[in-house]
């Protein structure tokens, strides 16, 4: 970043400043402040040594206190649950369970849309059968005068098929009527 500082109208000075981002805390000076030793006596040296010794003793006692506290928390955790630090075993169990679930899913996996495809194929097949039957019926009606004096042979399977097709058409008509009645776009409010 550049800042332009103008001292006077005809002079300018460019100052380079490094931008700092985030939380900016002042740096702590961990080094002990060394005061200038006195030329006239050694008494200040003893006081300085006592202060540093006390400081190091406090640091050491705090360190020992933290060690004791961590050991106590570790013991407490071990008493509550002896498997607290068994990371590998727990991870292996989780991984094993995950793999078993994955195998179960793949074992029971079925095609998603095949049932719908089969139903729609069956529906199209019925429609084609109906269309061909209607075409055959129209041909018979047009040719009926030519073959009117002859006997018509109809098997029971054909009669049954025709009956099923008739029932299916009736069901389809009822379904369409219900859909039209229930259709939201046709309703008046």
C-alpha atoms as a PDB file:
ATOM      1  CA  UNK A   1       0.000   0.000   0.000  1.00  0.00           C
ATOM      2  CA  UNK A   2       1.192   3.424  -0.750  1.00  0.00           C
ATOM      3  CA  UNK A   3       0.388   6.550   1.163  1.00  0.00           C
ATOM      4  CA  UNK A   4       1.262   9.909  -0.212  1.00  0.00           C
ATOM      5  CA  UNK A   5       2.201  12.378   2.452  1.00  0.00           C
ATOM      6  CA  UNK A   6       2.458  16.003   1.409  1.00  0.00           C
ATOM      7  CA  UNK A   7       4.748  18.183   3.532  1.00  0.00           C
ATOM      8  CA  UNK A   8       4.355  21.257   1.464  1.00  0.00           C
ATOM      9  CA  UNK A   9       2.821  22.062  -1.866  1.00  0.00           C
ATOM     10  CA  UNK A  10       5.991  21.472  -3.866  1.00  0.00           C
ATOM     11  CA  UNK A  11       7.273  18.417  -1.880  1.00  0.00           C
ATOM     12  CA  UNK A  12       5.756  15.011  -1.520  1.00  0.00           C
ATOM     13  CA  UNK A  13       6.964  11.845   0.121  1.00  0.00           C
ATOM     14  CA  UNK A  14       5.812   8.277  -0.585  1.00  0.00           C
ATOM     15  CA  UNK A  15       5.663   6.033   2.473  1.00  0.00           C
ATOM     16  CA  UNK A  16       5.492   2.225   2.088  1.00  0.00           C
ATOM     17  CA  UNK A  17       3.255   0.512   4.630  1.00  0.00           C
ATOM     18  CA  UNK A  18       2.707  -3.265   4.777  1.00  0.00           C
ATOM     19  CA  UNK A  19      -0.978  -3.991   5.319  1.00  0.00           C
ATOM     20  CA  UNK A  20      -1.790  -6.412   8.123  1.00  0.00           C
ATOM     21  CA  UNK A  21      -5.015  -8.380   8.212  1.00  0.00           C
ATOM     22  CA  UNK A  22      -6.883 -10.213  10.946  1.00  0.00           C
ATOM     23  CA  UNK A  23      -6.544  -9.888  14.697  1.00  0.00           C
ATOM     24  CA  UNK A  24      -3.435  -7.845  15.373  1.00  0.00           C
ATOM     25  CA  UNK A  25      -2.078  -8.300  18.865  1.00  0.00           C
ATOM     26  CA  UNK A  26       1.015  -6.616  20.218  1.00  0.00           C
ATOM     27  CA  UNK A  27       3.976  -8.945  20.506  1.00  0.00           C
ATOM     28  CA  UNK A  28       4.919  -9.993  24.015  1.00  0.00           C
ATOM     29  CA  UNK A  29       8.496  -9.610  24.996  1.00  0.00           C
ATOM     30  CA  UNK A  30       9.408 -12.905  26.674  1.00  0.00           C
ATOM     31  CA  UNK A  31      13.015 -11.920  27.130  1.00  0.00           C
ATOM     32  CA  UNK A  32      13.737 -10.565  30.594  1.00  0.00           C
ATOM     33  CA  UNK A  33      14.621  -6.914  30.610  1.00  0.00           C
ATOM     34  CA  UNK A  34      18.282  -6.633  31.462  1.00  0.00           C
ATOM     35  CA  UNK A  35      19.045  -3.509  33.333  1.00  0.00           C
ATOM     36  CA  UNK A  36      22.427  -1.895  33.139  1.00  0.00           C
ATOM     37  CA  UNK A  37      24.657  -3.209  35.897  1.00  0.00           C
ATOM     38  CA  UNK A  38      25.817  -0.841  38.498  1.00  0.00           C
ATOM     39  CA  UNK A  39      29.458   0.056  38.418  1.00  0.00           C
ATOM     40  CA  UNK A  40      29.612   0.655  42.156  1.00  0.00           C
ATOM     41  CA  UNK A  41      28.332  -2.616  43.584  1.00  0.00           C
ATOM     42  CA  UNK A  42      27.318  -6.250  43.052  1.00  0.00           C
ATOM     43  CA  UNK A  43      24.081  -6.021  45.094  1.00  0.00           C
ATOM     44  CA  UNK A  44      21.856  -5.626  42.031  1.00  0.00           C
ATOM     45  CA  UNK A  45      23.202  -8.878  40.584  1.00  0.00           C
ATOM     46  CA  UNK A  46      21.876 -10.853  43.573  1.00  0.00           C
ATOM     47  CA  UNK A  47      18.440  -9.257  43.273  1.00  0.00           C
ATOM     48  CA  UNK A  48      18.344  -9.988  39.573  1.00  0.00           C
ATOM     49  CA  UNK A  49      19.225 -13.642  40.194  1.00  0.00           C
ATOM     50  CA  UNK A  50      16.520 -13.950  42.861  1.00  0.00           C
ATOM     51  CA  UNK A  51      13.866 -12.512  40.517  1.00  0.00           C
ATOM     52  CA  UNK A  52      14.783 -14.841  37.661  1.00  0.00           C
ATOM     53  CA  UNK A  53      14.926 -17.832  40.003  1.00  0.00           C
ATOM     54  CA  UNK A  54      11.458 -17.023  41.357  1.00  0.00           C
ATOM     55  CA  UNK A  55      10.140 -16.591  37.848  1.00  0.00           C
ATOM     56  CA  UNK A  56      11.536 -19.942  36.686  1.00  0.00           C
ATOM     57  CA  UNK A  57      10.216 -21.626  39.843  1.00  0.00           C
ATOM     58  CA  UNK A  58       6.720 -20.280  39.145  1.00  0.00           C
ATOM     59  CA  UNK A  59       6.888 -21.479  35.544  1.00  0.00           C
ATOM     60  CA  UNK A  60       8.053 -24.921  36.641  1.00  0.00           C
ATOM     61  CA  UNK A  61       5.322 -25.218  39.275  1.00  0.00           C
ATOM     62  CA  UNK A  62       2.678 -24.201  36.723  1.00  0.00           C
ATOM     63  CA  UNK A  63       4.023 -26.794  34.308  1.00  0.00           C
ATOM     64  CA  UNK A  64       3.892 -29.490  37.000  1.00  0.00           C
ATOM     65  CA  UNK A  65       0.359 -28.439  37.965  1.00  0.00           C
ATOM     66  CA  UNK A  66      -0.793 -28.752  34.352  1.00  0.00           C
ATOM     67  CA  UNK A  67       0.799 -32.215  34.102  1.00  0.00           C
ATOM     68  CA  UNK A  68      -1.003 -33.355  37.238  1.00  0.00           C
ATOM     69  CA  UNK A  69      -4.312 -31.971  35.982  1.00  0.00           C
ATOM     70  CA  UNK A  70      -3.977 -33.750  32.637  1.00  0.00           C
ATOM     71  CA  UNK A  71      -3.107 -37.014  34.375  1.00  0.00           C
ATOM     72  CA  UNK A  72      -6.195 -36.651  36.574  1.00  0.00           C
ATOM     73  CA  UNK A  73      -8.456 -36.000  33.596  1.00  0.00           C
ATOM     74  CA  UNK A  74      -6.943 -38.997  31.765  1.00  0.00           C
ATOM     75  CA  UNK A  75      -7.566 -41.264  34.768  1.00  0.00           C
ATOM     76  CA  UNK A  76     -11.114 -39.968  35.109  1.00  0.00           C
ATOM     77  CA  UNK A  77     -11.778 -40.601  31.423  1.00  0.00           C
ATOM     78  CA  UNK A  78     -10.320 -44.119  31.695  1.00  0.00           C
ATOM     79  CA  UNK A  79     -12.559 -44.850  34.707  1.00  0.00           C
ATOM     80  CA  UNK A  80     -15.657 -43.683  32.824  1.00  0.00           C
ATOM     81  CA  UNK A  81     -14.876 -45.531  29.603  1.00  0.00           C
ATOM     82  CA  UNK A  82     -11.894 -47.891  29.337  1.00  0.00           C
ATOM     83  CA  UNK A  83     -12.020 -47.741  25.528  1.00  0.00           C
ATOM     84  CA  UNK A  84     -11.438 -43.979  25.361  1.00  0.00           C
ATOM     85  CA  UNK A  85      -8.047 -44.231  23.693  1.00  0.00           C
ATOM     86  CA  UNK A  86      -8.759 -47.206  21.447  1.00  0.00           C
ATOM     87  CA  UNK A  87      -9.016 -45.126  18.295  1.00  0.00           C
ATOM     88  CA  UNK A  88      -7.961 -47.807  15.828  1.00  0.00           C
ATOM     89  CA  UNK A  89     -10.405 -50.423  17.117  1.00  0.00           C
ATOM     90  CA  UNK A  90     -13.317 -47.987  17.060  1.00  0.00           C
ATOM     91  CA  UNK A  91     -12.385 -46.811  13.557  1.00  0.00           C
ATOM     92  CA  UNK A  92     -12.130 -50.404  12.327  1.00  0.00           C
ATOM     93  CA  UNK A  93     -15.569 -51.207  13.777  1.00  0.00           C
ATOM     94  CA  UNK A  94     -17.102 -48.139  12.130  1.00  0.00           C
ATOM     95  CA  UNK A  95     -15.532 -49.003   8.790  1.00  0.00           C
ATOM     96  CA  UNK A  96     -16.717 -52.605   9.068  1.00  0.00           C
ATOM     97  CA  UNK A  97     -20.300 -51.494   9.833  1.00  0.00           C
ATOM     98  CA  UNK A  98     -20.222 -49.084   6.904  1.00  0.00           C
ATOM     99  CA  UNK A  99     -19.064 -51.821   4.520  1.00  0.00           C
ATOM    100  CA  UNK A 100     -21.772 -54.206   5.798  1.00  0.00           C
ATOM    101  CA  UNK A 101     -24.470 -51.590   5.200  1.00  0.00           C
ATOM    102  CA  UNK A 102     -23.088 -50.966   1.725  1.00  0.00           C
ATOM    103  CA  UNK A 103     -23.208 -54.703   0.947  1.00  0.00           C
ATOM    104  CA  UNK A 104     -26.805 -54.928   2.219  1.00  0.00           C
ATOM    105  CA  UNK A 105     -27.826 -52.046  -0.011  1.00  0.00           C
ATOM    106  CA  UNK A 106     -26.197 -53.606  -3.069  1.00  0.00           C
ATOM    107  CA  UNK A 107     -27.704 -56.994  -2.206  1.00  0.00           C
ATOM    108  CA  UNK A 108     -31.290 -55.660  -2.079  1.00  0.00           C
ATOM    109  CA  UNK A 109     -30.809 -53.280  -4.958  1.00  0.00           C
ATOM    110  CA  UNK A 110     -33.483 -53.496  -7.603  1.00  0.00           C
ATOM    111  CA  UNK A 111     -33.959 -51.577 -10.820  1.00  0.00           C
ATOM    112  CA  UNK A 112     -35.647 -48.269 -10.126  1.00  0.00           C
ATOM    113  CA  UNK A 113     -37.905 -47.735 -13.108  1.00  0.00           C
ATOM    114  CA  UNK A 114     -38.347 -51.205 -14.551  1.00  0.00           C
ATOM    115  CA  UNK A 115     -41.802 -51.682 -12.985  1.00  0.00           C
ATOM    116  CA  UNK A 116     -43.079 -48.473 -14.526  1.00  0.00           C
ATOM    117  CA  UNK A 117     -41.550 -49.390 -17.872  1.00  0.00           C
ATOM    118  CA  UNK A 118     -43.201 -52.807 -17.787  1.00  0.00           C
ATOM    119  CA  UNK A 119     -46.584 -51.290 -16.892  1.00  0.00           C
ATOM    120  CA  UNK A 120     -46.385 -48.748 -19.686  1.00  0.00           C
ATOM    121  CA  UNK A 121     -45.304 -51.463 -22.155  1.00  0.00           C
ATOM    122  CA  UNK A 122     -48.285 -53.581 -21.103  1.00  0.00           C
ATOM    123  CA  UNK A 123     -50.596 -50.590 -21.519  1.00  0.00           C
ATOM    124  CA  UNK A 124     -49.258 -49.911 -25.023  1.00  0.00           C
ATOM    125  CA  UNK A 125     -49.658 -53.572 -25.913  1.00  0.00           C
ATOM    126  CA  UNK A 126     -53.321 -53.467 -24.851  1.00  0.00           C
ATOM    127  CA  UNK A 127     -53.862 -50.304 -26.879  1.00  0.00           C
ATOM    128  CA  UNK A 128     -52.370 -51.959 -29.956  1.00  0.00           C
ATOM    129  CA  UNK A 129     -54.619 -55.013 -29.415  1.00  0.00           C
ATOM    130  CA  UNK A 130     -57.697 -52.789 -29.128  1.00  0.00           C
ATOM    131  CA  UNK A 131     -56.737 -50.920 -32.283  1.00  0.00           C
ATOM    132  CA  UNK A 132     -56.246 -54.116 -34.268  1.00  0.00           C
ATOM    133  CA  UNK A 133     -59.552 -55.539 -32.962  1.00  0.00           C
ATOM    134  CA  UNK A 134     -61.397 -52.379 -34.000  1.00  0.00           C
ATOM    135  CA  UNK A 135     -59.789 -52.557 -37.448  1.00  0.00           C
ATOM    136  CA  UNK A 136     -60.779 -56.214 -37.814  1.00  0.00           C
ATOM    137  CA  UNK A 137     -64.327 -55.403 -36.682  1.00  0.00           C
ATOM    138  CA  UNK A 138     -64.644 -52.631 -39.287  1.00  0.00           C
ATOM    139  CA  UNK A 139     -63.368 -54.966 -42.015  1.00  0.00           C
ATOM    140  CA  UNK A 140     -65.942 -57.588 -41.002  1.00  0.00           C
ATOM    141  CA  UNK A 141     -68.719 -55.038 -41.106  1.00  0.00           C
ATOM    142  CA  UNK A 142     -67.722 -53.897 -44.595  1.00  0.00           C
ATOM    143  CA  UNK A 143     -67.307 -57.476 -45.841  1.00  0.00           C
ATOM    144  CA  UNK A 144     -70.303 -58.718 -43.866  1.00  0.00           C
ATOM    145  CA  UNK A 145     -72.622 -58.613 -46.844  1.00  0.00           C
ATOM    146  CA  UNK A 146     -70.333 -60.830 -48.876  1.00  0.00           C
ATOM    147  CA  UNK A 147     -70.001 -63.496 -46.166  1.00  0.00           C
ATOM    148  CA  UNK A 148     -73.354 -62.981 -44.440  1.00  0.00           C
ATOM    149  CA  UNK A 149     -74.699 -66.423 -45.334  1.00  0.00           C
ATOM    150  CA  UNK A 150     -71.667 -68.265 -43.873  1.00  0.00           C
ATOM    151  CA  UNK A 151     -71.346 -69.378 -40.251  1.00  0.00           C
ATOM    152  CA  UNK A 152     -68.989 -67.530 -37.916  1.00  0.00           C
ATOM    153  CA  UNK A 153     -66.877 -69.651 -35.585  1.00  0.00           C
ATOM    154  CA  UNK A 154     -65.767 -67.947 -32.369  1.00  0.00           C
ATOM    155  CA  UNK A 155     -63.701 -69.784 -29.741  1.00  0.00           C
ATOM    156  CA  UNK A 156     -64.219 -69.398 -26.016  1.00  0.00           C
ATOM    157  CA  UNK A 157     -60.695 -67.975 -25.585  1.00  0.00           C
ATOM    158  CA  UNK A 158     -61.482 -65.287 -28.149  1.00  0.00           C
ATOM    159  CA  UNK A 159     -64.767 -64.510 -26.405  1.00  0.00           C
ATOM    160  CA  UNK A 160     -62.944 -64.264 -23.062  1.00  0.00           C
ATOM    161  CA  UNK A 161     -60.324 -61.972 -24.574  1.00  0.00           C
ATOM    162  CA  UNK A 162     -62.998 -59.746 -26.078  1.00  0.00           C
ATOM    163  CA  UNK A 163     -64.820 -59.633 -22.718  1.00  0.00           C
ATOM    164  CA  UNK A 164     -61.603 -58.611 -20.902  1.00  0.00           C
ATOM    165  CA  UNK A 165     -60.924 -55.909 -23.461  1.00  0.00           C
ATOM    166  CA  UNK A 166     -64.475 -54.591 -23.049  1.00  0.00           C
ATOM    167  CA  UNK A 167     -64.099 -54.472 -19.241  1.00  0.00           C
ATOM    168  CA  UNK A 168     -60.731 -52.750 -19.548  1.00  0.00           C
ATOM    169  CA  UNK A 169     -62.232 -50.100 -21.837  1.00  0.00           C
ATOM    170  CA  UNK A 170     -65.055 -49.491 -19.359  1.00  0.00           C
ATOM    171  CA  UNK A 171     -62.574 -49.118 -16.483  1.00  0.00           C
ATOM    172  CA  UNK A 172     -60.517 -46.717 -18.573  1.00  0.00           C
ATOM    173  CA  UNK A 173     -63.599 -44.643 -19.372  1.00  0.00           C
ATOM    174  CA  UNK A 174     -64.588 -44.483 -15.681  1.00  0.00           C
ATOM    175  CA  UNK A 175     -61.042 -43.485 -14.732  1.00  0.00           C
ATOM    176  CA  UNK A 176     -61.041 -40.711 -17.339  1.00  0.00           C
ATOM    177  CA  UNK A 177     -64.414 -39.445 -16.118  1.00  0.00           C
ATOM    178  CA  UNK A 178     -63.153 -39.376 -12.515  1.00  0.00           C
ATOM    179  CA  UNK A 179     -60.021 -37.534 -13.604  1.00  0.00           C
ATOM    180  CA  UNK A 180     -62.113 -34.955 -15.432  1.00  0.00           C
ATOM    181  CA  UNK A 181     -64.372 -34.496 -12.416  1.00  0.00           C
ATOM    182  CA  UNK A 182     -61.431 -34.162 -10.035  1.00  0.00           C
ATOM    183  CA  UNK A 183     -59.412 -31.940 -12.363  1.00  0.00           C
ATOM    184  CA  UNK A 184     -58.564 -28.665 -10.668  1.00  0.00           C
ATOM    185  CA  UNK A 185     -58.405 -26.657 -13.874  1.00  0.00           C
ATOM    186  CA  UNK A 186     -62.084 -27.325 -14.661  1.00  0.00           C
ATOM    187  CA  UNK A 187     -63.385 -26.365 -11.214  1.00  0.00           C
ATOM    188  CA  UNK A 188     -65.012 -23.033 -10.637  1.00  0.00           C
ATOM    189  CA  UNK A 189     -64.548 -21.302  -7.312  1.00  0.00           C
END
